[in-house]
Amino acid sequence: RRFLPPDIQIIRVIPVTSDFHARYDAMERHYKYHIALEETPFNRL
């Protein structure tokens, strides 16, 4: 936390085996896209 800006948060740190690979072991990715029906100063980003 001391070394990261407030727009990055560490949720969890997990010890894994030495052959774990974050990219190649992933079997699925989930995205959401938010479509605004009206733009406001609070949702524009």
All heavy atoms as atom14 arrays in JSON, in Angstrom:
{
  "sequence": "RRFLPPDIQIIRVIPVTSDFHARYDAMERHYKYHIALEETPFNRL",
  "atom14_mask": [
    [1, 1, 1, 1, 1, 1, 1, 1, 1, 1, 1, 0, 0, 0],
    [1, 1, 1, 1, 1, 1, 1, 1, 1, 1, 1, 0, 0, 0],
    [1, 1, 1, 1, 1, 1, 1, 1, 1, 1, 1, 0, 0, 0],
    [1, 1, 1, 1, 1, 1, 1, 1, 0, 0, 0, 0, 0, 0],
    [1, 1, 1, 1, 1, 1, 1, 0, 0, 0, 0, 0, 0, 0],
    [1, 1, 1, 1, 1, 1, 1, 0, 0, 0, 0, 0, 0, 0],
    [1, 1, 1, 1, 1, 1, 1, 1, 0, 0, 0, 0, 0, 0],
    [1, 1, 1, 1, 1, 1, 1, 1, 0, 0, 0, 0, 0, 0],
    [1, 1, 1, 1, 1, 1, 1, 1, 1, 0, 0, 0, 0, 0],
    [1, 1, 1, 1, 1, 1, 1, 1, 0, 0, 0, 0, 0, 0],
    [1, 1, 1, 1, 1, 1, 1, 1, 0, 0, 0, 0, 0, 0],
    [1, 1, 1, 1, 1, 1, 1, 1, 1, 1, 1, 0, 0, 0],
    [1, 1, 1, 1, 1, 1, 1, 0, 0, 0, 0, 0, 0, 0],
    [1, 1, 1, 1, 1, 1, 1, 1, 0, 0, 0, 0, 0, 0],
    [1, 1, 1, 1, 1, 1, 1, 0, 0, 0, 0, 0, 0, 0],
    [1, 1, 1, 1, 1, 1, 1, 0, 0, 0, 0, 0, 0, 0],
    [1, 1, 1, 1, 1, 1, 1, 0, 0, 0, 0, 0, 0, 0],
    [1, 1, 1, 1, 1, 1, 0, 0, 0, 0, 0, 0, 0, 0],
    [1, 1, 1, 1, 1, 1, 1, 1, 0, 0, 0, 0, 0, 0],
    [1, 1, 1, 1, 1, 1, 1, 1, 1, 1, 1, 0, 0, 0],
    [1, 1, 1, 1, 1, 1, 1, 1, 1, 1, 0, 0, 0, 0],
    [1, 1, 1, 1, 1, 0, 0, 0, 0, 0, 0, 0, 0, 0],
    [1, 1, 1, 1, 1, 1, 1, 1, 1, 1, 1, 0, 0, 0],
    [1, 1, 1, 1, 1, 1, 1, 1, 1, 1, 1, 1, 0, 0],
    [1, 1, 1, 1, 1, 1, 1, 1, 0, 0, 0, 0, 0, 0],
    [1, 1, 1, 1, 1, 0, 0, 0, 0, 0, 0, 0, 0, 0],
    [1, 1, 1, 1, 1, 1, 1, 1, 0, 0, 0, 0, 0, 0],
    [1, 1, 1, 1, 1, 1, 1, 1, 1, 0, 0, 0, 0, 0],
    [1, 1, 1, 1, 1, 1, 1, 1, 1, 1, 1, 0, 0, 0],
    [1, 1, 1, 1, 1, 1, 1, 1, 1, 1, 0, 0, 0, 0],
    [1, 1, 1, 1, 1, 1, 1, 1, 1, 1, 1, 1, 0, 0],
    [1, 1, 1, 1, 1, 1, 1, 1, 1, 0, 0, 0, 0, 0],
    [1, 1, 1, 1, 1, 1, 1, 1, 1, 1, 1, 1, 0, 0],
    [1, 1, 1, 1, 1, 1, 1, 1, 1, 1, 0, 0, 0, 0],
    [1, 1, 1, 1, 1, 1, 1, 1, 0, 0, 0, 0, 0, 0],
    [1, 1, 1, 1, 1, 0, 0, 0, 0, 0, 0, 0, 0, 0],
    [1, 1, 1, 1, 1, 1, 1, 1, 0, 0, 0, 0, 0, 0],
    [1, 1, 1, 1, 1, 1, 1, 1, 1, 0, 0, 0, 0, 0],
    [1, 1, 1, 1, 1, 1, 1, 1, 1, 0, 0, 0, 0, 0],
    [1, 1, 1, 1, 1, 1, 1, 0, 0, 0, 0, 0, 0, 0],
    [1, 1, 1, 1, 1, 1, 1, 0, 0, 0, 0, 0, 0, 0],
    [1, 1, 1, 1, 1, 1, 1, 1, 1, 1, 1, 0, 0, 0],
    [1, 1, 1, 1, 1, 1, 1, 1, 0, 0, 0, 0, 0, 0],
    [1, 1, 1, 1, 1, 1, 1, 1, 1, 1, 1, 0, 0, 0],
    [1, 1, 1, 1, 1, 1, 1, 1, 0, 0, 0, 0, 0, 0]
  ],
  "atom14_positions": [
    [[0.82, -1.21, 0.0], [0.0, 0.0, 0.0], [0.86, 1.26, 0.0], [0.52, 2.26, -0.63], [-0.9, 0.03, 1.25], [-2.04, -0.95, 1.24], [-2.78, -0.84, 2.57], [-3.85, -1.82, 2.7], [-4.52, -2.02, 3.83], [-4.23, -1.31, 4.9], [-5.48, -2.92, 3.89], [0.0, 0.0, 0.0], [0.0, 0.0, 0.0], [0.0, 0.0, 0.0]],
    [[1.98, 1.21, 0.71], [2.84, 2.4, 0.85], [3.48, 2.8, -0.48], [3.91, 3.93, -0.64], [3.94, 2.14, 1.88], [3.43, 2.01, 3.31], [4.59, 1.8, 4.26], [5.27, 0.52, 4.02], [6.58, 0.34, 4.07], [7.39, 1.36, 4.31], [7.1, -0.86, 3.87], [0.0, 0.0, 0.0], [0.0, 0.0, 0.0], [0.0, 0.0, 0.0]],
    [[3.56, 1.86, -1.4], [4.31, 2.1, -2.63], [3.42, 2.22, -3.87], [3.93, 2.28, -4.98], [5.33, 0.97, -2.84], [6.27, 0.8, -1.68], [6.12, -0.25, -0.79], [7.3, 1.71, -1.47], [6.98, -0.41, 0.29], [8.16, 1.56, -0.39], [8.01, 0.5, 0.49], [0.0, 0.0, 0.0], [0.0, 0.0, 0.0], [0.0, 0.0, 0.0]],
    [[2.11, 2.23, -3.66], [1.18, 2.3, -4.78], [0.26, 3.5, -4.65], [-0.11, 3.9, -3.54], [0.35, 1.01, -4.86], [1.11, -0.27, -5.17], [0.17, -1.47, -5.07], [1.75, -0.22, -6.55], [0.0, 0.0, 0.0], [0.0, 0.0, 0.0], [0.0, 0.0, 0.0], [0.0, 0.0, 0.0], [0.0, 0.0, 0.0], [0.0, 0.0, 0.0]],
    [[-0.16, 4.09, -5.78], [-1.09, 5.22, -5.73], [-2.5, 4.75, -5.36], [-2.8, 3.55, -5.44], [-1.05, 5.76, -7.17], [-0.66, 4.58, -8.0], [0.26, 3.76, -7.15], [0.0, 0.0, 0.0], [0.0, 0.0, 0.0], [0.0, 0.0, 0.0], [0.0, 0.0, 0.0], [0.0, 0.0, 0.0], [0.0, 0.0, 0.0], [0.0, 0.0, 0.0]],
    [[-3.38, 5.66, -4.97], [-4.72, 5.26, -4.51], [-5.61, 4.7, -5.6], [-6.65, 4.1, -5.29], [-5.3, 6.55, -3.94], [-4.48, 7.65, -4.54], [-3.13, 7.09, -4.77], [0.0, 0.0, 0.0], [0.0, 0.0, 0.0], [0.0, 0.0, 0.0], [0.0, 0.0, 0.0], [0.0, 0.0, 0.0], [0.0, 0.0, 0.0], [0.0, 0.0, 0.0]],
    [[-5.24, 4.84, -6.88], [-6.08, 4.28, -7.94], [-5.7, 2.84, -8.28], [-6.22, 2.26, -9.24], [-6.08, 5.15, -9.2], [-4.69, 5.47, -9.72], [-3.71, 4.92, -9.2], [-4.58, 6.29, -10.66], [0.0, 0.0, 0.0], [0.0, 0.0, 0.0], [0.0, 0.0, 0.0], [0.0, 0.0, 0.0], [0.0, 0.0, 0.0], [0.0, 0.0, 0.0]],
    [[-4.81, 2.24, -7.49], [-4.49, 0.81, -7.59], [-4.66, 0.19, -6.2], [-4.12, 0.7, -5.22], [-3.06, 0.56, -8.1], [-2.88, 1.09, -9.52], [-2.73, -0.94, -8.05], [-1.48, 0.9, -10.07], [0.0, 0.0, 0.0], [0.0, 0.0, 0.0], [0.0, 0.0, 0.0], [0.0, 0.0, 0.0], [0.0, 0.0, 0.0], [0.0, 0.0, 0.0]],
    [[-5.4, -0.89, -6.12], [-5.63, -1.57, -4.84], [-5.29, -3.04, -4.96], [-5.66, -3.7, -5.94], [-7.1, -1.43, -4.42], [-7.42, -2.12, -3.1], [-8.9, -2.09, -2.76], [-9.72, -1.79, -3.62], [-9.25, -2.4, -1.55], [0.0, 0.0, 0.0], [0.0, 0.0, 0.0], [0.0, 0.0, 0.0], [0.0, 0.0, 0.0], [0.0, 0.0, 0.0]],
    [[-4.58, -3.56, -3.97], [-4.28, -4.99, -3.9], [-5.41, -5.67, -3.14], [-5.63, -5.39, -1.97], [-2.94, -5.27, -3.22], [-1.82, -4.46, -3.87], [-2.63, -6.77, -3.26], [-1.69, -4.69, -5.36], [0.0, 0.0, 0.0], [0.0, 0.0, 0.0], [0.0, 0.0, 0.0], [0.0, 0.0, 0.0], [0.0, 0.0, 0.0], [0.0, 0.0, 0.0]],
    [[-6.12, -6.57, -3.8], [-7.24, -7.26, -3.18], [-6.74, -8.44, -2.35], [-7.16, -8.64, -1.21], [-8.22, -7.77, -4.25], [-8.74, -6.6, -5.09], [-9.37, -8.55, -3.61], [-9.49, -7.04, -6.33], [0.0, 0.0, 0.0], [0.0, 0.0, 0.0], [0.0, 0.0, 0.0], [0.0, 0.0, 0.0], [0.0, 0.0, 0.0], [0.0, 0.0, 0.0]],
    [[-5.84, -9.21, -2.92], [-5.42, -10.46, -2.27], [-4.07, -10.89, -2.83], [-3.78, -10.67, -4.01], [-6.46, -11.54, -2.52], [-6.29, -12.82, -1.7], [-7.36, -13.84, -2.05], [-7.19, -15.06, -1.3], [-7.66, -16.25, -1.67], [-8.34, -16.35, -2.8], [-7.48, -17.32, -0.93], [0.0, 0.0, 0.0], [0.0, 0.0, 0.0], [0.0, 0.0, 0.0]],
    [[-3.25, -11.5, -1.98], [-1.99, -12.11, -2.39], [-2.04, -13.58, -2.01], [-2.38, -13.92, -0.87], [-0.79, -11.42, -1.71], [0.52, -12.09, -2.12], [-0.75, -9.93, -2.06], [0.0, 0.0, 0.0], [0.0, 0.0, 0.0], [0.0, 0.0, 0.0], [0.0, 0.0, 0.0], [0.0, 0.0, 0.0], [0.0, 0.0, 0.0], [0.0, 0.0, 0.0]],
    [[-1.75, -14.45, -2.98], [-1.93, -15.89, -2.78], [-0.64, -16.63, -3.14], [-0.15, -16.5, -4.27], [-3.06, -16.43, -3.68], [-4.33, -15.59, -3.54], [-3.34, -17.9, -3.37], [-5.32, -15.81, -4.66], [0.0, 0.0, 0.0], [0.0, 0.0, 0.0], [0.0, 0.0, 0.0], [0.0, 0.0, 0.0], [0.0, 0.0, 0.0], [0.0, 0.0, 0.0]],
    [[-0.06, -17.41, -2.22], [1.09, -18.24, -2.58], [0.65, -19.37, -3.51], [-0.33, -20.05, -3.24], [1.58, -18.78, -1.23], [0.39, -18.71, -0.33], [-0.45, -17.56, -0.81], [0.0, 0.0, 0.0], [0.0, 0.0, 0.0], [0.0, 0.0, 0.0], [0.0, 0.0, 0.0], [0.0, 0.0, 0.0], [0.0, 0.0, 0.0], [0.0, 0.0, 0.0]],
    [[1.36, -19.52, -4.62], [1.0, -20.54, -5.61], [2.24, -21.35, -5.97], [3.36, -21.02, -5.57], [0.39, -19.9, -6.88], [-0.97, -19.3, -6.59], [1.32, -18.84, -7.47], [0.0, 0.0, 0.0], [0.0, 0.0, 0.0], [0.0, 0.0, 0.0], [0.0, 0.0, 0.0], [0.0, 0.0, 0.0], [0.0, 0.0, 0.0], [0.0, 0.0, 0.0]],
    [[2.04, -22.41, -6.73], [3.17, -23.25, -7.13], [4.06, -22.5, -8.12], [3.63, -21.56, -8.8], [2.68, -24.55, -7.78], [1.83, -24.24, -8.88], [1.89, -25.38, -6.76], [0.0, 0.0, 0.0], [0.0, 0.0, 0.0], [0.0, 0.0, 0.0], [0.0, 0.0, 0.0], [0.0, 0.0, 0.0], [0.0, 0.0, 0.0], [0.0, 0.0, 0.0]],
    [[5.3, -22.93, -8.23], [6.3, -22.23, -9.05], [5.97, -22.25, -10.54], [6.5, -21.46, -11.31], [7.68, -22.84, -8.83], [7.68, -24.22, -9.19], [0.0, 0.0, 0.0], [0.0, 0.0, 0.0], [0.0, 0.0, 0.0], [0.0, 0.0, 0.0], [0.0, 0.0, 0.0], [0.0, 0.0, 0.0], [0.0, 0.0, 0.0], [0.0, 0.0, 0.0]],
    [[5.07, -23.15, -10.97], [4.73, -23.22, -12.39], [3.44, -22.46, -12.72], [2.97, -22.47, -13.87], [4.61, -24.67, -12.86], [3.51, -25.44, -12.13], [2.98, -24.94, -11.12], [3.18, -26.56, -12.58], [0.0, 0.0, 0.0], [0.0, 0.0, 0.0], [0.0, 0.0, 0.0], [0.0, 0.0, 0.0], [0.0, 0.0, 0.0], [0.0, 0.0, 0.0]],
    [[2.85, -21.8, -11.72], [1.64, -21.03, -12.0], [1.97, -19.87, -12.93], [2.97, -19.17, -12.77], [1.04, -20.47, -10.7], [-0.12, -19.53, -10.94], [-1.4, -20.03, -11.13], [0.07, -18.16, -10.99], [-2.48, -19.17, -11.37], [-1.0, -17.29, -11.21], [-2.27, -17.8, -11.41], [0.0, 0.0, 0.0], [0.0, 0.0, 0.0], [0.0, 0.0, 0.0]],
    [[1.09, -19.65, -13.93], [1.28, -18.54, -14.87], [-0.05, -17.81, -15.02], [-1.05, -18.39, -15.43], [1.76, -19.05, -16.23], [2.35, -17.98, -17.08], [1.59, -17.02, -17.71], [3.65, -17.7, -17.4], [2.38, -16.2, -18.39], [3.64, -16.59, -18.21], [0.0, 0.0, 0.0], [0.0, 0.0, 0.0], [0.0, 0.0, 0.0], [0.0, 0.0, 0.0]],
    [[-0.06, -16.53, -14.67], [-1.3, -15.76, -14.65], [-1.98, -15.71, -16.01], [-3.21, -15.71, -16.11], [-1.02, -14.34, -14.15], [0.0, 0.0, 0.0], [0.0, 0.0, 0.0], [0.0, 0.0, 0.0], [0.0, 0.0, 0.0], [0.0, 0.0, 0.0], [0.0, 0.0, 0.0], [0.0, 0.0, 0.0], [0.0, 0.0, 0.0], [0.0, 0.0, 0.0]],
    [[-1.18, -15.67, -17.07], [-1.78, -15.58, -18.41], [-2.14, -16.95, -18.97], [-3.27, -17.18, -19.4], [-0.81, -14.87, -19.36], [-1.33, -14.75, -20.79], [-0.33, -14.07, -21.7], [-0.79, -14.05, -23.08], [-0.07, -13.65, -24.11], [1.17, -13.21, -23.91], [-0.55, -13.66, -25.33], [0.0, 0.0, 0.0], [0.0, 0.0, 0.0], [0.0, 0.0, 0.0]],
    [[-1.18, -17.86, -18.98], [-1.38, -19.12, -19.7], [-2.27, -20.11, -18.95], [-2.85, -21.01, -19.57], [-0.03, -19.76, -20.02], [0.82, -18.9, -20.93], [2.13, -18.58, -20.62], [0.28, -18.38, -22.12], [2.9, -17.79, -21.45], [1.04, -17.59, -22.95], [2.35, -17.29, -22.62], [3.09, -16.48, -23.44], [0.0, 0.0, 0.0], [0.0, 0.0, 0.0]],
    [[-2.39, -19.96, -17.64], [-3.27, -20.86, -16.88], [-4.71, -20.39, -16.83], [-5.59, -21.14, -16.39], [-2.75, -21.02, -15.44], [-1.51, -21.9, -15.37], [-1.31, -22.71, -16.3], [-0.74, -21.78, -14.4], [0.0, 0.0, 0.0], [0.0, 0.0, 0.0], [0.0, 0.0, 0.0], [0.0, 0.0, 0.0], [0.0, 0.0, 0.0], [0.0, 0.0, 0.0]],
    [[-4.98, -19.16, -17.25], [-6.35, -18.64, -17.23], [-7.21, -19.41, -18.22], [-6.8, -19.66, -19.35], [-6.36, -17.16, -17.56], [0.0, 0.0, 0.0], [0.0, 0.0, 0.0], [0.0, 0.0, 0.0], [0.0, 0.0, 0.0], [0.0, 0.0, 0.0], [0.0, 0.0, 0.0], [0.0, 0.0, 0.0], [0.0, 0.0, 0.0], [0.0, 0.0, 0.0]],
    [[-8.42, -19.78, -17.79], [-9.3, -20.5, -18.7], [-10.48, -19.65, -19.16], [-11.18, -20.02, -20.11], [-9.81, -21.79, -18.05], [-10.73, -21.6, -16.88], [-11.28, -23.21, -16.24], [-12.62, -22.69, -15.15], [0.0, 0.0, 0.0], [0.0, 0.0, 0.0], [0.0, 0.0, 0.0], [0.0, 0.0, 0.0], [0.0, 0.0, 0.0], [0.0, 0.0, 0.0]],
    [[-10.7, -18.51, -18.5], [-11.83, -17.66, -18.88], [-11.61, -16.26, -18.33], [-11.01, -16.09, -17.27], [-13.12, -18.25, -18.31], [-14.39, -17.59, -18.81], [-15.63, -18.3, -18.28], [-15.97, -18.08, -17.1], [-16.24, -19.07, -19.04], [0.0, 0.0, 0.0], [0.0, 0.0, 0.0], [0.0, 0.0, 0.0], [0.0, 0.0, 0.0], [0.0, 0.0, 0.0]],
    [[-12.08, -15.27, -19.08], [-12.04, -13.89, -18.63], [-13.44, -13.3, -18.73], [-14.18, -13.62, -19.65], [-11.05, -13.09, -19.46], [-9.59, -13.52, -19.25], [-8.68, -13.07, -20.37], [-7.29, -13.42, -20.11], [-6.74, -14.59, -20.39], [-7.48, -15.54, -20.94], [-5.47, -14.83, -20.13], [0.0, 0.0, 0.0], [0.0, 0.0, 0.0], [0.0, 0.0, 0.0]],
    [[-13.75, -12.43, -17.78], [-15.1, -11.86, -17.7], [-14.98, -10.34, -17.75], [-14.27, -9.73, -16.95], [-15.75, -12.31, -16.38], [-17.13, -11.81, -16.18], [-17.78, -11.87, -14.96], [-18.02, -11.23, -17.03], [-18.99, -11.35, -15.08], [-19.16, -10.95, -16.31], [0.0, 0.0, 0.0], [0.0, 0.0, 0.0], [0.0, 0.0, 0.0], [0.0, 0.0, 0.0]],
    [[-15.69, -9.72, -18.7], [-15.72, -8.26, -18.83], [-17.16, -7.77, -18.73], [-18.11, -8.49, -19.05], [-15.18, -7.82, -20.2], [-13.68, -7.84, -20.34], [-13.01, -8.96, -20.78], [-12.92, -6.7, -20.05], [-11.62, -8.97, -20.93], [-11.54, -6.69, -20.2], [-10.91, -7.83, -20.64], [-9.54, -7.83, -20.79], [0.0, 0.0, 0.0], [0.0, 0.0, 0.0]],
    [[-17.29, -6.5, -18.32], [-18.58, -5.81, -18.4], [-18.36, -4.45, -19.07], [-17.35, -3.79, -18.82], [-19.2, -5.62, -17.01], [-19.73, -6.9, -16.4], [-20.53, -6.64, -15.12], [-21.09, -7.95, -14.57], [-21.91, -7.74, -13.36], [0.0, 0.0, 0.0], [0.0, 0.0, 0.0], [0.0, 0.0, 0.0], [0.0, 0.0, 0.0], [0.0, 0.0, 0.0]],
    [[-19.34, -4.08, -19.89], [-19.29, -2.76, -20.51], [-20.53, -1.99, -20.08], [-21.66, -2.46, -20.23], [-19.24, -2.84, -22.05], [-18.9, -1.5, -22.64], [-17.59, -1.16, -22.94], [-19.89, -0.53, -22.84], [-17.26, 0.09, -23.42], [-19.57, 0.73, -23.32], [-18.25, 1.03, -23.61], [-17.93, 2.28, -24.07], [0.0, 0.0, 0.0], [0.0, 0.0, 0.0]],
    [[-20.31, -0.78, -19.55], [-21.39, 0.06, -19.04], [-21.74, 1.13, -20.08], [-20.89, 1.96, -20.43], [-20.96, 0.73, -17.74], [-20.73, -0.23, -16.61], [-21.44, -0.18, -15.43], [-19.89, -1.29, -16.49], [-21.03, -1.14, -14.62], [-20.09, -1.83, -15.25], [0.0, 0.0, 0.0], [0.0, 0.0, 0.0], [0.0, 0.0, 0.0], [0.0, 0.0, 0.0]],
    [[-22.96, 1.1, -20.56], [-23.46, 2.08, -21.53], [-24.34, 3.08, -20.78], [-25.38, 2.71, -20.23], [-24.27, 1.4, -22.65], [-23.41, 0.37, -23.39], [-24.84, 2.44, -23.61], [-24.19, -0.46, -24.39], [0.0, 0.0, 0.0], [0.0, 0.0, 0.0], [0.0, 0.0, 0.0], [0.0, 0.0, 0.0], [0.0, 0.0, 0.0], [0.0, 0.0, 0.0]],
    [[-23.93, 4.34, -20.77], [-24.72, 5.37, -20.09], [-25.85, 5.83, -21.01], [-25.65, 6.06, -22.2], [-23.84, 6.56, -19.73], [0.0, 0.0, 0.0], [0.0, 0.0, 0.0], [0.0, 0.0, 0.0], [0.0, 0.0, 0.0], [0.0, 0.0, 0.0], [0.0, 0.0, 0.0], [0.0, 0.0, 0.0], [0.0, 0.0, 0.0], [0.0, 0.0, 0.0]],
    [[-27.04, 5.95, -20.44], [-28.17, 6.5, -21.19], [-28.16, 8.02, -21.15], [-28.77, 8.69, -21.99], [-29.49, 5.95, -20.64], [-29.61, 4.43, -20.69], [-30.95, 3.97, -20.11], [-29.46, 3.92, -22.13], [0.0, 0.0, 0.0], [0.0, 0.0, 0.0], [0.0, 0.0, 0.0], [0.0, 0.0, 0.0], [0.0, 0.0, 0.0], [0.0, 0.0, 0.0]],
    [[-27.46, 8.56, -20.15], [-27.26, 10.0, -20.05], [-25.92, 10.25, -19.39], [-25.6, 9.63, -18.38], [-28.38, 10.64, -19.23], [-28.26, 12.15, -19.12], [-29.42, 12.77, -18.34], [-30.38, 12.04, -18.04], [-29.32, 13.96, -18.01], [0.0, 0.0, 0.0], [0.0, 0.0, 0.0], [0.0, 0.0, 0.0], [0.0, 0.0, 0.0], [0.0, 0.0, 0.0]],
    [[-25.13, 11.13, -19.96], [-23.82, 11.42, -19.38], [-23.95, 12.47, -18.29], [-24.68, 13.46, -18.43], [-22.85, 11.92, -20.45], [-21.42, 12.06, -19.93], [-20.47, 12.52, -21.01], [-20.83, 13.43, -21.78], [-19.35, 11.97, -21.1], [0.0, 0.0, 0.0], [0.0, 0.0, 0.0], [0.0, 0.0, 0.0], [0.0, 0.0, 0.0], [0.0, 0.0, 0.0]],
    [[-23.24, 12.24, -17.18], [-23.21, 13.2, -16.08], [-21.75, 13.43, -15.69], [-20.86, 12.67, -16.09], [-23.99, 12.69, -14.86], [-23.21, 11.65, -14.23], [-25.35, 12.14, -15.25], [0.0, 0.0, 0.0], [0.0, 0.0, 0.0], [0.0, 0.0, 0.0], [0.0, 0.0, 0.0], [0.0, 0.0, 0.0], [0.0, 0.0, 0.0], [0.0, 0.0, 0.0]],
    [[-21.49, 14.46, -14.87], [-20.11, 14.66, -14.39], [-19.59, 13.49, -13.57], [-18.38, 13.35, -13.39], [-20.22, 15.93, -13.53], [-21.42, 16.63, -14.01], [-22.38, 15.55, -14.43], [0.0, 0.0, 0.0], [0.0, 0.0, 0.0], [0.0, 0.0, 0.0], [0.0, 0.0, 0.0], [0.0, 0.0, 0.0], [0.0, 0.0, 0.0], [0.0, 0.0, 0.0]],
    [[-20.51, 12.64, -13.1], [-20.12, 11.58, -12.17], [-19.95, 10.21, -12.83], [-19.39, 9.29, -12.23], [-21.15, 11.49, -11.04], [-21.47, 12.84, -10.45], [-22.67, 13.47, -10.72], [-20.53, 13.51, -9.67], [-22.95, 14.72, -10.21], [-20.8, 14.76, -9.15], [-22.01, 15.38, -9.42], [0.0, 0.0, 0.0], [0.0, 0.0, 0.0], [0.0, 0.0, 0.0]],
    [[-20.45, 10.05, -14.05], [-20.28, 8.76, -14.72], [-19.38, 8.84, -15.94], [-19.12, 7.82, -16.59], [-21.64, 8.16, -15.11], [-22.34, 8.93, -16.23], [-21.76, 9.82, -16.86], [-23.6, 8.59, -16.49], [0.0, 0.0, 0.0], [0.0, 0.0, 0.0], [0.0, 0.0, 0.0], [0.0, 0.0, 0.0], [0.0, 0.0, 0.0], [0.0, 0.0, 0.0]],
    [[-18.89, 10.01, -16.27], [-18.19, 10.21, -17.54], [-16.88, 9.42, -17.66], [-16.45, 9.1, -18.77], [-17.89, 11.7, -17.74], [-17.0, 12.3, -16.68], [-16.88, 13.82, -16.79], [-16.09, 14.34, -15.68], [-14.77, 14.38, -15.67], [-14.09, 13.93, -16.72], [-14.11, 14.85, -14.64], [0.0, 0.0, 0.0], [0.0, 0.0, 0.0], [0.0, 0.0, 0.0]],
    [[-16.28, 9.05, -16.52], [-15.02, 8.31, -16.56], [-15.22, 6.8, -16.46], [-14.26, 6.04, -16.59], [-14.1, 8.76, -15.42], [-13.68, 10.22, -15.42], [-12.8, 10.53, -14.22], [-12.97, 10.59, -16.71], [0.0, 0.0, 0.0], [0.0, 0.0, 0.0], [0.0, 0.0, 0.0], [0.0, 0.0, 0.0], [0.0, 0.0, 0.0], [0.0, 0.0, 0.0]]
  ]
}
